[in-house]
Protein backbone atom coordinates (compact mmCIF):
# COMPACT_ATOMS: atom_id res chain seq x y z
CA MET A 1 -2.53 46.53 -27.48
CA ALA A 2 -5.15 48.53 -26.65
CA ASN A 3 -7.54 45.41 -26.61
CA GLY A 4 -5.51 43.64 -23.97
CA ASN A 5 -5.40 46.97 -21.21
CA SER A 6 -8.86 48.07 -22.26
CA ALA A 7 -10.57 44.79 -20.54
CA GLY A 8 -8.12 44.62 -17.80
CA GLY A 9 -8.64 48.50 -17.67
CA LEU A 10 -12.04 48.25 -16.67
CA PHE A 11 -11.66 45.06 -14.26
CA SER A 12 -9.46 47.14 -12.28
CA VAL A 13 -11.70 50.30 -12.14
CA ALA A 14 -14.77 48.08 -11.30
CA TRP A 15 -12.44 46.17 -8.79
CA GLY A 16 -10.69 49.35 -7.49
CA LEU A 17 -14.39 50.68 -6.99
CA TRP A 18 -15.81 47.92 -5.48
CA ALA A 19 -12.71 47.30 -3.17
CA THR A 20 -12.38 51.00 -2.17
CA GLY A 21 -15.85 51.31 -1.23
CA VAL A 22 -16.60 48.28 0.86
CA GLY A 23 -13.17 47.99 2.53
CA TRP A 24 -13.80 51.48 3.86
CA ILE A 25 -17.16 50.84 5.24
CA VAL A 26 -16.02 47.96 6.51
CA VAL A 27 -12.73 49.04 8.05
CA THR A 28 -14.50 52.17 9.87
CA ASP A 29 -17.40 49.85 11.00
CA PHE A 30 -19.84 52.24 9.62
CA ARG A 31 -23.10 51.24 11.60
CA GLY A 32 -21.98 48.24 12.26
CA ALA A 33 -21.22 47.15 8.91
CA ALA A 34 -18.21 45.07 10.34
CA ARG A 35 -20.35 43.31 12.71
CA ARG A 36 -22.75 42.59 10.04
CA PHE A 37 -19.89 41.15 7.44
CA HIS A 38 -18.54 39.23 10.26
CA ALA A 39 -22.10 37.80 11.16
CA LEU A 40 -22.74 36.91 7.42
CA SER A 41 -19.61 35.46 6.64
CA SER A 42 -19.84 33.56 9.55
CA ARG A 43 -22.88 32.11 8.50
CA SER A 44 -20.97 29.79 5.74
CA GLU A 45 -17.73 29.37 7.36
CA SER A 46 -17.09 26.38 9.01
CA SER A 47 -16.50 26.89 12.77
CA ASP A 48 -14.52 24.69 15.53
CA LYS A 49 -16.62 22.23 17.56
CA GLY A 50 -17.67 24.54 19.97
CA GLY A 51 -19.58 26.30 17.66
CA THR A 52 -17.51 29.91 17.89
CA PRO A 53 -16.43 31.46 14.62
CA ARG A 54 -12.38 31.05 14.15
CA VAL A 55 -11.88 34.53 13.15
CA GLY A 56 -13.61 37.66 15.03
CA VAL A 57 -14.41 41.27 13.93
CA GLY A 58 -10.86 42.30 14.16
CA PHE A 59 -9.83 40.24 12.26
CA VAL A 60 -12.39 41.27 9.46
CA ARG A 61 -11.61 45.11 10.00
CA VAL A 62 -7.88 44.57 9.08
CA VAL A 63 -8.77 42.55 5.84
CA ALA A 64 -11.01 44.95 4.91
CA GLY A 65 -8.11 47.54 5.56
CA ALA A 66 -6.03 45.90 3.10
CA PHE A 67 -8.79 45.96 0.67
CA ALA A 68 -9.61 49.96 1.50
CA LEU A 69 -5.54 50.51 0.76
CA VAL A 70 -5.48 48.43 -2.50
CA GLY A 71 -8.30 49.36 -3.72
CA PRO A 72 -7.43 53.26 -5.05
CA VAL A 73 -4.32 51.95 -6.26
CA ALA A 74 -6.23 49.43 -8.47
CA LEU A 75 -8.80 52.24 -9.37
CA VAL A 76 -5.96 54.59 -10.38
CA SER A 77 -4.13 51.66 -12.06
CA GLY A 78 -6.96 50.83 -14.25
CA LEU A 79 -7.97 54.72 -15.09
CA LEU A 80 -4.44 55.40 -16.10
CA GLU A 81 -4.91 51.73 -18.64
CA LEU A 82 -8.27 53.23 -19.65
CA GLY A 83 -6.72 56.65 -20.57
CA ARG A 84 -4.06 55.21 -22.71
CA GLY A 85 -6.42 53.45 -24.98
CA HIS A 86 -10.07 53.47 -26.01
CA VAL A 87 -12.35 50.65 -24.80
CA ARG A 88 -13.79 48.21 -27.49
CA PRO A 89 -16.50 46.42 -26.03
CA GLU A 90 -15.32 42.98 -27.60
CA GLY A 91 -16.89 39.66 -26.20
CA PHE A 92 -15.35 36.79 -24.49
CA PRO A 93 -15.21 33.26 -26.44
CA ARG A 94 -18.33 31.60 -26.88
CA VAL A 95 -19.36 29.81 -23.74
CA PRO A 96 -19.94 26.08 -23.87
CA VAL A 97 -23.64 24.61 -23.84
CA PRO A 98 -22.90 22.75 -20.67
CA LEU A 99 -21.19 25.48 -19.04
CA ALA A 100 -23.71 27.92 -19.66
CA VAL A 101 -26.26 25.59 -18.09
CA VAL A 102 -24.31 25.01 -14.57
CA ALA A 103 -23.73 28.88 -14.69
CA ALA A 104 -27.70 29.11 -14.43
CA VAL A 105 -28.08 25.92 -12.01
CA ILE A 106 -25.63 28.19 -9.62
CA GLY A 107 -27.61 31.18 -10.21
CA VAL A 108 -30.76 29.83 -9.37
CA VAL A 109 -29.49 28.11 -6.20
CA HIS A 110 -27.97 31.12 -5.27
CA LEU A 111 -31.24 33.52 -5.47
CA TRP A 112 -33.36 30.66 -3.72
CA MET A 113 -30.70 30.76 -0.59
CA PHE A 114 -30.89 34.68 -0.93
CA TRP A 115 -34.52 35.18 -1.05
CA ARG A 116 -35.93 32.09 1.02
CA SER A 117 -37.27 33.42 4.55
CA SER A 118 -33.86 33.32 5.91
CA GLY A 119 -32.00 34.33 3.09
CA TRP A 120 -29.96 37.81 3.54
CA LEU A 121 -31.75 39.64 0.71
CA ARG A 122 -35.30 38.55 2.14
CA GLN A 123 -34.29 39.72 5.70
CA GLU A 124 -33.05 42.81 4.24
CA TRP A 125 -36.40 43.75 2.18
CA ASP A 126 -38.53 42.80 4.88
CA GLY A 127 -36.64 44.89 7.60
CA GLY A 128 -35.63 47.59 5.31
CA GLY A 129 -37.16 51.04 4.13
CA GLY A 130 -37.67 52.24 0.48
CA VAL A 131 -34.26 52.45 -0.59
CA ARG A 132 -32.82 49.00 0.91
CA ARG A 133 -35.45 47.46 -0.56
CA ALA A 134 -34.77 49.06 -4.14
CA ALA A 135 -30.92 47.97 -3.29
CA THR A 136 -31.94 44.25 -3.11
CA VAL A 137 -33.84 44.15 -6.52
CA VAL A 138 -30.68 45.86 -7.67
CA VAL A 139 -28.88 43.21 -6.51
CA THR A 140 -30.93 40.31 -7.65
CA VAL A 141 -31.12 41.85 -11.36
CA ALA A 142 -27.60 42.59 -11.32
CA GLY A 143 -26.57 39.12 -10.07
CA ILE A 144 -29.31 37.87 -12.97
CA GLY A 145 -27.53 39.88 -15.26
CA PHE A 146 -23.89 39.21 -14.65
CA GLN A 147 -24.22 35.62 -15.52
CA ALA A 148 -26.45 36.23 -18.74
CA THR A 149 -23.84 38.59 -19.87
CA LEU A 150 -20.85 36.26 -18.98
CA VAL A 151 -22.72 33.44 -21.06
CA LEU A 152 -23.71 35.97 -23.82
CA GLY A 153 -20.02 37.06 -23.94
CA ARG A 154 -20.15 40.77 -23.39
CA PRO A 155 -17.71 42.10 -20.83
CA VAL A 156 -18.47 45.62 -20.38
CA ALA A 157 -21.97 44.69 -19.49
CA MET A 158 -20.40 42.31 -17.35
CA LEU A 159 -18.38 44.84 -15.34
CA ALA A 160 -20.94 47.57 -15.34
CA LEU A 161 -23.72 45.11 -13.96
CA TRP A 162 -20.82 43.56 -11.65
CA LEU A 163 -20.03 47.46 -10.34
CA LEU A 164 -23.97 48.18 -9.96
CA GLY A 165 -24.66 45.16 -7.76
CA GLY A 166 -21.88 45.84 -5.63
CA ALA A 167 -22.74 49.40 -5.27
CA ALA A 168 -26.09 48.05 -4.04
CA GLY A 169 -24.62 45.68 -1.66
CA MET A 170 -22.54 48.54 -0.36
CA VAL A 171 -26.19 50.27 0.85
CA LEU A 172 -26.85 46.96 2.37
CA LEU A 173 -23.80 46.12 4.22
CA PRO A 174 -23.99 49.24 6.37
CA ALA A 175 -27.05 48.56 9.22
CA PRO A 176 -30.07 50.67 8.52
CA ALA A 177 -29.99 53.90 10.31
CA PRO A 178 -31.51 53.86 13.85
CA GLY A 179 -34.71 55.08 14.01
CA PRO A 180 -38.31 54.17 15.13
CA ASP A 181 -38.86 51.24 12.99
CA HIS A 182 -35.75 49.51 14.27
CA GLY A 183 -36.09 50.36 18.01
CA GLY A 184 -32.70 52.19 17.91
CA GLU A 185 -30.46 49.36 17.56
CA VAL A 186 -28.12 47.83 14.82
CA ARG A 187 -29.50 44.31 13.28
CA THR A 188 -27.33 41.85 12.60
CA PRO A 189 -28.37 38.72 10.55
CA PRO A 190 -28.64 35.76 12.35
């Protein structure tokens, strides 16, 4: 029984931390995070014929509020599950080779999309200071590591990388602090 709870508990802790952090950052619109999140998500969202996004920043903040409220519940639930038993880092079943190849191709495509000249991580790298550049590296390494540990069947390492990448993403979500490098204005992706 402890084996099933430990995997679910680890997932609940990781998901709860991520949902709480991102939810509160976006719902409070910390340094324009809601507008940045809306701009990033509207790039991949289909819009009506006029090119206007279907949802606005207010809707994004309402959804983030749900995550901000549910996240702590998932976090506490996961911690309670972990408290009932010890964590055994047992692996997933072996991933078939075709699925591993598909995961690798998807990972390469995402890295290319994020790091090309108009990509999200490239823009963060070009416009950021030391902390933001370090966060882009951590997001990249965590993304590669997440897929590698998934294919290798290491759930604890996979969840740890997911949590690490999510924490680095939370550093990138709010706009950089206004200052002389940014002209005192909040940047949003094009």
